[in-house]
Amino acid sequence: MKRVLIITYYWPPAGGSGVQRWLKFAKYLPHNGWQPIIYCPENADYTVLDESLAKDIPSEAEVIKGAIFEPYRFFRKITGQKEVIGTGLSSTGGKPNDGGFLKKLMIWVRGNMIIPDARMFWIKPSVKRLRKYIEENSVDAIVSTGPPHSCHLIALGLKKHFPDIKWIADFRDPWSTIDFMQDLKIGNSAMDKHLRLEKDVLASSDAQIVVTPSMVEEFENLGAKNLHFIANGFDEADYSQLRNPDTSISDSNIFIISHIGTLPPSRNPRAFWEAIKTLEKQSDDTEVRLHLNFIGKVDIQIKNEALELGLENRFKVIEYVPHNEIARIQQSADLLLLIINDSPNAKAILTGKLFEYLASKRPILCIAPLDSDAAKVINETQSGEVFDYDDRDGMVNFIKKSMDNKAAGEIYDNIGISAYARHNLTQKLAQLLNQSQS
């Protein structure tokens, strides 16, 4: 097999969404003639761990690890804060940037001196380590995936030493336009440096991959010359052992709405809370029947807002469950809630959990711009309905219709989702890798 070096920060035992894309690509690359060589941190400061993901690492994979200095450990130690800068989550009840002088100073340092991100200290030693590895071992292609975009700068350093090895830069999120940039109090000089580094990566890489159609236009405007769209997706193997997905597995006397993933302030579903409260007023048995499950970290302000509306009897939060349990939780829901960040780049966000929602074959209530990439996927696959951020009445009617459908025993289905299966997406990646060899 040909060999591809994949530079990634997230790798098992890391949990959460960041690890899924390239773990699944690595799982299916050997079926497409490519051996994955993974380069990842030795002692990373992962916010969540998930040992269950190790089962997806293929036997053909070679994993190389390099030590990393993580400044967030230092940040948490001197401030006493639990949250990580850049997530937008608050555990204290205030805005993410609220706090004493020391915390505000650390946020300014992160935004203006630690560029492009907190993994910048991993760049130079990684280039040195991987340069030696490539001199001693055959590598046919290099892939870097970000964020953190420091991974791209490692690949950029290698490209200068090995110009004939094709390099593909994969962007799971934007760089200079990512929505949490505004939380970092970035000055003009720091932003200029971000833009310069971003331009260098786009100019020096042989091809680029983005995960949404809207990002294609954005990155073309930034100067990308050989740009490809490969979406996130779902692994059919994660759902193959579950019962028939055409029917809900929840109790017939209750109706479960579940959300999987973090809820920062930019995803606060205010109209959704109001819709639930409206349903309660319209029906005496709604309080008994309707249950809300949130799997992932929820910002304290969002929790408080829901509780102020009197939803404490049905509002349940589980901060993390292993990924191998997610499919079961999704299929135990009667309706899946998807919230796209209410931010300037909302139209371009195509979150990874959307595709796992598709695989679970449960109807989706999506809160997003009606012309967003997420809305297009849901509409094309007939997987649910999309509502603007303040469309309370539309959400009320959709939830009522979904509850009535369950009571009537109607079978739900969607269409055309196989395009987002991980093994099919990996074929597209392998074709791109093969092109880089010609």
Protein backbone atom coordinates (compact mmCIF):
# COMPACT_ATOMS: atom_id res chain seq x y z
CA MET A 1 0.00 0.00 0.00
CA LYS A 2 0.96 3.61 -0.48
CA ARG A 3 1.58 5.48 2.76
CA VAL A 4 -0.03 8.74 3.89
CA LEU A 5 1.22 10.71 6.90
CA ILE A 6 -1.76 12.23 8.73
CA ILE A 7 -0.93 15.07 11.12
CA THR A 8 -3.72 15.45 13.66
CA TYR A 9 -4.04 16.72 17.21
CA TYR A 10 -7.12 14.61 17.98
CA TRP A 11 -6.68 10.86 18.18
CA PRO A 12 -7.89 8.20 20.65
CA PRO A 13 -8.08 8.31 23.60
CA ALA A 14 -9.42 11.79 22.70
CA GLY A 15 -13.20 11.90 22.71
CA GLY A 16 -15.61 14.40 21.22
CA SER A 17 -16.29 15.48 17.68
CA GLY A 18 -12.76 16.50 16.63
CA VAL A 19 -11.43 12.95 16.49
CA GLN A 20 -14.18 11.36 14.40
CA ARG A 21 -13.36 12.54 10.88
CA TRP A 22 -9.80 11.26 10.55
CA LEU A 23 -10.26 8.25 12.79
CA LYS A 24 -12.95 7.04 10.37
CA PHE A 25 -10.90 7.97 7.29
CA ALA A 26 -7.99 6.00 8.76
CA LYS A 27 -10.30 3.05 9.42
CA TYR A 28 -11.29 2.77 5.74
CA LEU A 29 -8.14 3.98 3.98
CA PRO A 30 -6.51 0.51 3.96
CA HIS A 31 -9.53 -0.76 1.98
CA ASN A 32 -8.61 1.85 -0.62
CA GLY A 33 -4.91 1.07 -0.93
CA TRP A 34 -3.48 3.56 1.58
CA GLN A 35 -1.76 2.84 4.87
CA PRO A 36 -2.37 5.62 7.44
CA ILE A 37 0.61 6.83 9.45
CA ILE A 38 -0.81 8.92 12.28
CA TYR A 39 1.19 11.67 13.96
CA CYS A 40 -0.47 12.92 17.16
CA PRO A 41 0.53 14.26 20.61
CA GLU A 42 2.06 12.06 23.27
CA ASN A 43 0.59 13.87 26.28
CA ALA A 44 -2.24 16.01 24.92
CA ASP A 45 -4.57 17.99 27.17
CA TYR A 46 -7.80 16.49 25.85
CA THR A 47 -10.95 17.83 27.50
CA VAL A 48 -12.77 14.49 27.14
CA LEU A 49 -11.50 10.93 26.81
CA ASP A 50 -13.22 8.00 25.10
CA GLU A 51 -11.43 4.66 25.23
CA SER A 52 -14.18 3.04 23.14
CA LEU A 53 -12.87 4.74 19.99
CA ALA A 54 -9.69 2.66 19.96
CA LYS A 55 -11.63 -0.18 18.32
CA ASP A 56 -11.79 1.84 15.09
CA ILE A 57 -8.01 2.15 14.71
CA PRO A 58 -7.13 -0.27 11.89
CA SER A 59 -4.38 -2.82 12.41
CA GLU A 60 -2.57 -1.39 9.38
CA ALA A 61 -2.18 2.04 11.03
CA GLU A 62 1.20 3.18 12.30
CA VAL A 63 0.92 5.70 15.13
CA ILE A 64 3.76 8.10 15.92
CA LYS A 65 3.49 10.31 18.98
CA GLY A 66 5.39 13.45 19.89
CA ALA A 67 5.51 15.30 23.21
CA ILE A 68 3.58 18.56 23.38
CA PHE A 69 3.55 21.53 25.77
CA GLU A 70 -0.04 22.52 26.58
CA PRO A 71 -0.43 26.08 27.94
CA TYR A 72 -4.08 25.49 28.87
CA ARG A 73 -2.91 23.36 31.78
CA PHE A 74 -1.03 26.43 33.03
CA PHE A 75 -4.05 28.66 32.37
CA ARG A 76 -6.38 26.50 34.44
CA LYS A 77 -3.88 26.21 37.25
CA ILE A 78 -3.36 29.93 37.75
CA THR A 79 -6.97 31.02 37.14
CA GLY A 80 -8.85 28.14 38.71
CA GLN A 81 -11.16 28.06 35.68
CA LYS A 82 -12.34 24.79 34.15
CA GLU A 83 -13.44 26.00 30.74
CA VAL A 84 -11.08 26.10 27.76
CA ILE A 85 -10.62 29.40 25.97
CA GLY A 86 -12.24 29.32 22.57
CA THR A 87 -15.12 26.96 23.34
CA GLY A 88 -17.48 29.76 24.38
CA LEU A 89 -18.66 27.67 27.32
CA SER A 90 -18.99 29.18 30.77
CA SER A 91 -19.29 27.23 34.02
CA THR A 92 -19.59 30.31 36.23
CA GLY A 93 -22.81 31.93 35.08
CA GLY A 94 -21.17 34.85 33.31
CA LYS A 95 -20.04 35.39 29.76
CA PRO A 96 -16.93 33.41 28.70
CA ASN A 97 -14.77 36.54 28.92
CA ASP A 98 -16.09 37.64 32.31
CA GLY A 99 -13.82 37.26 35.30
CA GLY A 100 -10.96 38.92 37.04
CA PHE A 101 -8.01 40.73 35.58
CA LEU A 102 -5.91 37.57 35.43
CA LYS A 103 -8.42 35.67 33.33
CA LYS A 104 -8.89 38.62 30.96
CA LEU A 105 -5.12 38.91 30.62
CA MET A 106 -4.81 35.23 29.76
CA ILE A 107 -7.52 35.58 27.10
CA TRP A 108 -5.65 38.53 25.59
CA VAL A 109 -2.38 36.55 25.63
CA ARG A 110 -4.09 33.59 23.94
CA GLY A 111 -5.59 35.82 21.26
CA ASN A 112 -2.61 38.02 20.50
CA MET A 113 0.55 36.08 21.35
CA ILE A 114 -0.32 32.38 21.00
CA ILE A 115 -0.83 32.15 17.23
CA PRO A 116 -2.40 30.34 15.50
CA ASP A 117 -3.56 28.43 18.58
CA ALA A 118 -2.44 26.92 21.85
CA ARG A 119 -0.64 24.05 20.04
CA MET A 120 1.92 26.39 18.47
CA PHE A 121 4.64 25.00 20.75
CA TRP A 122 4.21 21.62 19.04
CA ILE A 123 5.19 22.94 15.61
CA LYS A 124 9.01 23.16 15.64
CA PRO A 125 9.71 19.88 17.50
CA SER A 126 7.21 18.09 15.29
CA VAL A 127 8.81 19.33 12.08
CA LYS A 128 12.18 18.15 13.35
CA ARG A 129 10.82 14.76 14.43
CA LEU A 130 8.87 14.11 11.24
CA ARG A 131 11.66 15.31 9.00
CA LYS A 132 13.86 12.60 10.46
CA TYR A 133 11.05 10.04 10.11
CA ILE A 134 10.47 10.85 6.43
CA GLU A 135 14.20 10.66 5.69
CA GLU A 136 14.21 7.13 7.10
CA ASN A 137 10.80 5.89 5.90
CA SER A 138 8.78 6.12 2.71
CA VAL A 139 5.88 8.58 2.72
CA ASP A 140 3.79 9.08 -0.42
CA ALA A 141 1.53 11.91 0.76
CA ILE A 142 0.97 14.18 3.74
CA VAL A 143 -2.38 15.29 5.18
CA SER A 144 -2.80 17.91 7.89
CA THR A 145 -6.15 18.53 9.55
CA GLY A 146 -7.20 21.52 11.59
CA PRO A 147 -8.19 22.97 13.91
CA PRO A 148 -5.86 23.24 15.60
CA HIS A 149 -4.30 24.93 12.60
CA SER A 150 -0.85 24.41 14.09
CA CYS A 151 -1.12 21.01 12.38
CA HIS A 152 -1.08 22.81 9.03
CA LEU A 153 2.05 24.72 10.04
CA ILE A 154 3.79 21.43 10.84
CA ALA A 155 2.97 20.25 7.33
CA LEU A 156 4.09 23.60 5.92
CA GLY A 157 7.46 23.12 7.58
CA LEU A 158 7.75 19.62 6.11
CA LYS A 159 6.79 20.88 2.64
CA LYS A 160 9.82 23.16 2.64
CA HIS A 161 12.09 20.14 3.17
CA PHE A 162 10.18 17.68 0.95
CA PRO A 163 8.64 19.71 -1.89
CA ASP A 164 7.96 16.61 -4.03
CA ILE A 165 5.69 14.96 -1.43
CA LYS A 166 2.12 16.03 -2.09
CA TRP A 167 0.41 17.77 0.82
CA ILE A 168 -3.36 18.02 1.36
CA ALA A 169 -4.65 20.49 3.98
CA ASP A 170 -8.01 19.50 5.50
CA PHE A 171 -10.09 22.24 7.17
CA ARG A 172 -12.76 20.87 9.51
CA ASP A 173 -13.56 24.48 10.46
CA PRO A 174 -12.59 27.86 9.04
CA TRP A 175 -9.41 29.53 10.25
CA SER A 176 -9.53 33.34 10.23
CA THR A 177 -13.34 33.45 10.24
CA ILE A 178 -14.12 30.82 12.89
CA ASP A 179 -16.85 32.10 15.17
CA PHE A 180 -14.96 32.16 18.50
CA MET A 181 -12.31 34.57 17.18
CA GLN A 182 -14.37 37.44 18.60
CA ASP A 183 -14.04 35.96 22.10
CA LEU A 184 -10.23 36.17 21.98
CA LYS A 185 -9.92 39.99 21.78
CA ILE A 186 -7.60 39.70 18.79
CA GLY A 187 -5.86 42.92 17.71
CA ASN A 188 -5.10 43.99 14.15
CA SER A 189 -1.49 42.80 14.25
CA ALA A 190 -2.47 39.32 15.46
CA MET A 191 -5.23 39.04 12.87
CA ASP A 192 -2.79 40.03 10.14
CA LYS A 193 -0.54 37.18 11.25
CA HIS A 194 -3.44 34.71 11.13
CA LEU A 195 -4.29 35.83 7.61
CA ARG A 196 -0.67 35.60 6.50
CA LEU A 197 -0.24 32.07 7.88
CA GLU A 198 -3.56 30.99 6.38
CA LYS A 199 -2.49 32.34 3.00
CA ASP A 200 0.87 30.53 3.24
CA VAL A 201 -0.86 27.21 3.95
CA LEU A 202 -3.31 27.63 1.07
CA ALA A 203 -0.55 28.67 -1.33
CA SER A 204 1.91 25.92 -0.36
CA SER A 205 -0.42 22.93 -0.04
CA ASP A 206 -1.06 20.94 -3.22
CA ALA A 207 -4.77 20.50 -2.48
CA GLN A 208 -7.25 21.56 0.15
CA ILE A 209 -10.36 19.89 1.58
CA VAL A 210 -13.27 21.64 3.26
CA VAL A 211 -16.33 20.14 4.92
CA THR A 212 -19.17 22.38 3.66
CA PRO A 213 -20.18 23.81 0.26
CA SER A 214 -20.13 27.36 1.63
CA MET A 215 -16.53 26.90 2.76
CA VAL A 216 -15.62 26.18 -0.87
CA GLU A 217 -16.55 29.71 -1.87
CA GLU A 218 -14.89 31.19 1.22
CA PHE A 219 -11.58 29.40 0.67
CA GLU A 220 -11.55 30.13 -3.05
CA ASN A 221 -11.81 33.81 -2.13
CA LEU A 222 -8.86 33.30 0.22
CA GLY A 223 -6.73 31.93 -2.62
CA ALA A 224 -7.18 28.14 -2.53
CA LYS A 225 -6.37 26.73 -5.98
CA ASN A 226 -7.13 22.98 -5.80
CA LEU A 227 -10.12 22.84 -3.48
CA HIS A 228 -12.32 19.82 -2.77
CA PHE A 229 -15.47 19.31 -0.71
CA ILE A 230 -15.63 16.12 1.36
CA ALA A 231 -18.30 16.26 4.02
CA ASN A 232 -18.30 14.68 7.44
CA GLY A 233 -20.40 11.57 7.67
CA PHE A 234 -21.53 8.53 9.62
CA ASP A 235 -20.12 5.04 10.01
CA GLU A 236 -22.73 2.45 9.14
CA ALA A 237 -20.95 -0.03 11.41
CA ASP A 238 -21.92 2.09 14.42
CA TYR A 239 -25.60 1.51 13.62
CA SER A 240 -25.59 -2.02 12.21
CA GLN A 241 -26.32 -3.77 15.51
CA LEU A 242 -29.31 -1.64 16.45
CA ARG A 243 -32.93 -2.63 16.08
CA ASN A 244 -35.08 -1.60 13.13
CA PRO A 245 -34.58 2.19 12.88
CA ASP A 246 -37.99 2.76 11.28
CA THR A 247 -39.67 2.83 14.67
CA SER A 248 -38.80 4.62 17.90
CA ILE A 249 -37.58 2.49 20.80
CA SER A 250 -38.85 4.92 23.45
CA ASP A 251 -41.87 4.18 25.62
CA SER A 252 -45.13 4.80 23.77
CA ASN A 253 -46.42 7.04 26.56
CA ILE A 254 -43.53 9.52 26.42
CA PHE A 255 -41.97 11.66 23.71
CA ILE A 256 -38.19 12.19 23.89
CA ILE A 257 -36.36 15.09 22.26
CA SER A 258 -32.58 14.66 22.39
CA HIS A 259 -29.64 16.92 21.54
CA ILE A 260 -26.15 15.46 21.15
CA GLY A 261 -23.13 17.78 21.53
CA THR A 262 -22.10 20.93 23.36
CA LEU A 263 -24.39 23.92 23.82
CA PRO A 264 -22.36 27.16 24.03
CA PRO A 265 -24.16 30.53 24.22
CA SER A 266 -24.15 30.81 20.41
CA ARG A 267 -26.47 27.77 20.31
CA ASN A 268 -28.94 28.93 22.94
CA PRO A 269 -32.33 27.78 21.55
CA ARG A 270 -34.51 30.47 23.16
CA ALA A 271 -37.45 29.98 20.79
CA PHE A 272 -37.27 26.23 21.39
CA TRP A 273 -37.62 26.71 25.15
CA GLU A 274 -40.61 28.96 24.49
CA ALA A 275 -42.07 26.33 22.15
CA ILE A 276 -41.86 23.69 24.88
CA LYS A 277 -43.52 26.05 27.33
CA THR A 278 -46.28 26.77 24.79
CA LEU A 279 -46.91 23.05 24.30
CA GLU A 280 -47.21 22.65 28.05
CA LYS A 281 -49.91 25.31 28.19
CA GLN A 282 -51.81 23.76 25.29
CA SER A 283 -51.96 20.22 26.64
CA ASP A 284 -52.43 18.90 30.16
CA ASP A 285 -50.39 15.75 29.52
CA THR A 286 -47.42 17.39 27.78
CA GLU A 287 -45.50 17.74 31.03
CA VAL A 288 -45.79 14.01 31.63
CA ARG A 289 -45.09 12.94 28.06
CA LEU A 290 -42.35 15.33 26.92
CA HIS A 291 -38.74 14.68 27.96
CA LEU A 292 -35.64 16.70 26.95
CA ASN A 293 -32.23 15.01 26.95
CA PHE A 294 -28.99 16.91 26.37
CA ILE A 295 -25.88 14.79 25.90
CA GLY A 296 -22.84 17.07 26.16
CA LYS A 297 -21.69 20.15 28.04
CA VAL A 298 -24.33 22.87 28.34
CA ASP A 299 -23.44 26.47 29.13
CA ILE A 300 -24.65 27.46 32.60
CA GLN A 301 -26.58 30.43 31.21
CA ILE A 302 -28.56 28.13 28.92
CA LYS A 303 -29.34 25.79 31.82
CA ASN A 304 -30.53 28.70 33.93
CA GLU A 305 -32.73 30.03 31.14
CA ALA A 306 -34.44 26.66 30.73
CA LEU A 307 -34.93 26.30 34.46
CA GLU A 308 -36.40 29.79 34.76
CA LEU A 309 -39.14 28.64 32.38
CA GLY A 310 -39.95 25.77 34.72
CA LEU A 311 -38.46 22.99 32.62
CA GLU A 312 -36.48 21.39 35.44
CA ASN A 313 -38.78 18.35 35.61
CA ARG A 314 -37.96 17.27 32.06
CA PHE A 315 -34.55 18.81 31.39
CA LYS A 316 -31.75 16.25 31.75
CA VAL A 317 -28.05 16.84 31.01
CA ILE A 318 -25.38 14.14 30.71
CA GLU A 319 -22.05 15.84 30.00
CA TYR A 320 -20.46 12.97 28.09
CA VAL A 321 -21.12 9.40 27.04
CA PRO A 322 -18.76 7.14 25.05
CA HIS A 323 -19.25 7.34 21.30
CA ASN A 324 -20.25 3.69 21.11
CA GLU A 325 -23.40 4.56 23.08
CA ILE A 326 -24.42 7.56 20.94
CA ALA A 327 -26.25 5.55 18.29
CA ARG A 328 -28.44 3.88 20.90
CA ILE A 329 -29.26 7.24 22.51
CA GLN A 330 -30.14 8.77 19.14
CA GLN A 331 -32.45 5.91 18.24
CA SER A 332 -34.15 6.06 21.63
CA ALA A 333 -35.28 9.60 20.78
CA ASP A 334 -38.50 10.47 19.00
CA LEU A 335 -37.05 13.75 17.72
CA LEU A 336 -33.45 14.94 17.41
CA LEU A 337 -32.62 18.60 18.02
CA LEU A 338 -29.92 20.22 15.88
CA ILE A 339 -28.86 23.81 16.58
CA ILE A 340 -26.47 25.67 14.29
CA ASN A 341 -24.47 28.48 15.92
CA ASP A 342 -26.24 31.84 15.67
CA SER A 343 -23.12 33.51 14.29
CA PRO A 344 -21.98 35.33 11.13
CA ASN A 345 -20.76 32.07 9.54
CA ALA A 346 -23.90 30.08 10.40
CA LYS A 347 -24.74 29.33 6.78
CA ALA A 348 -21.42 27.51 6.32
CA ILE A 349 -21.64 25.28 9.41
CA LEU A 350 -22.28 21.63 8.68
CA THR A 351 -21.74 19.97 12.03
CA GLY A 352 -20.61 16.37 12.13
CA LYS A 353 -23.47 15.24 14.35
CA LEU A 354 -25.97 16.06 11.60
CA PHE A 355 -24.76 13.04 9.63
CA GLU A 356 -24.99 10.70 12.59
CA TYR A 357 -28.50 12.03 13.12
CA LEU A 358 -29.23 10.96 9.52
CA ALA A 359 -27.93 7.46 10.19
CA SER A 360 -30.13 7.07 13.26
CA LYS A 361 -33.20 7.59 11.04
CA ARG A 362 -34.99 9.77 13.55
CA PRO A 363 -36.71 13.02 12.45
CA ILE A 364 -34.69 16.19 12.99
CA LEU A 365 -35.78 19.60 14.27
CA CYS A 366 -33.06 21.92 13.01
CA ILE A 367 -32.64 25.54 14.12
CA ALA A 368 -30.54 27.31 11.49
CA PRO A 369 -30.69 29.84 8.65
CA LEU A 370 -33.16 28.51 6.10
CA ASP A 371 -30.57 28.84 3.30
CA SER A 372 -27.72 27.22 5.25
CA ASP A 373 -25.71 24.18 4.22
CA ALA A 374 -27.28 22.22 7.07
CA ALA A 375 -30.78 23.12 5.86
CA LYS A 376 -29.92 21.93 2.35
CA VAL A 377 -28.80 18.51 3.62
CA ILE A 378 -31.93 18.06 5.75
CA ASN A 379 -34.23 19.13 2.93
CA GLU A 380 -32.49 16.99 0.29
CA THR A 381 -32.61 13.88 2.48
CA GLN A 382 -36.14 14.63 3.76
CA SER A 383 -34.81 14.18 7.29
CA GLY A 384 -36.87 16.76 9.16
CA GLU A 385 -37.70 20.44 9.14
CA VAL A 386 -35.60 23.60 9.52
CA PHE A 387 -36.67 26.67 11.48
CA ASP A 388 -35.19 30.12 11.87
CA TYR A 389 -33.87 31.02 15.32
CA ASP A 390 -37.03 32.87 16.42
CA ASP A 391 -39.69 30.65 14.78
CA ARG A 392 -41.37 29.47 17.98
CA ASP A 393 -44.75 28.75 16.34
CA GLY A 394 -43.17 26.66 13.59
CA MET A 395 -41.37 24.54 16.19
CA VAL A 396 -44.57 24.11 18.20
CA ASN A 397 -46.44 22.82 15.16
CA PHE A 398 -43.61 20.47 14.12
CA ILE A 399 -43.28 18.97 17.60
CA LYS A 400 -47.06 18.50 17.80
CA LYS A 401 -47.08 16.84 14.37
CA SER A 402 -44.22 14.55 15.39
CA MET A 403 -46.00 13.57 18.59
CA ASP A 404 -49.17 12.83 16.62
CA ASN A 405 -47.19 10.77 14.10
CA LYS A 406 -45.74 8.64 16.86
CA ALA A 407 -49.16 8.13 18.44
CA ALA A 408 -50.52 7.04 15.06
CA GLY A 409 -47.65 4.61 14.53
CA GLU A 410 -46.47 6.28 11.33
CA ILE A 411 -43.12 5.08 9.97
CA TYR A 412 -40.43 7.68 9.44
CA ASP A 413 -37.80 7.44 6.70
CA ASN A 414 -35.23 9.60 4.92
CA ILE A 415 -33.57 9.27 1.51
CA GLY A 416 -30.17 9.42 -0.13
CA ILE A 417 -28.06 9.33 3.01
CA SER A 418 -25.59 6.71 1.71
CA ALA A 419 -23.60 9.54 0.10
CA TYR A 420 -22.52 10.46 3.63
CA ALA A 421 -21.42 6.97 4.70
CA ARG A 422 -17.80 7.02 5.87
CA HIS A 423 -16.66 4.26 3.53
CA ASN A 424 -18.01 6.18 0.52
CA LEU A 425 -16.42 9.43 1.69
CA THR A 426 -13.10 7.64 2.15
CA GLN A 427 -13.26 6.53 -1.48
CA LYS A 428 -13.42 10.21 -2.46
CA LEU A 429 -10.40 10.92 -0.25
CA ALA A 430 -8.47 8.00 -1.75
CA GLN A 431 -9.22 9.28 -5.27
CA LEU A 432 -7.76 12.63 -4.29
CA LEU A 433 -4.70 10.95 -2.79
CA ASN A 434 -4.27 8.89 -5.95
CA GLN A 435 -4.47 12.02 -8.08
CA SER A 436 -1.65 13.49 -6.03
CA GLN A 437 0.52 10.58 -7.15
CA SER A 438 0.11 11.22 -10.89
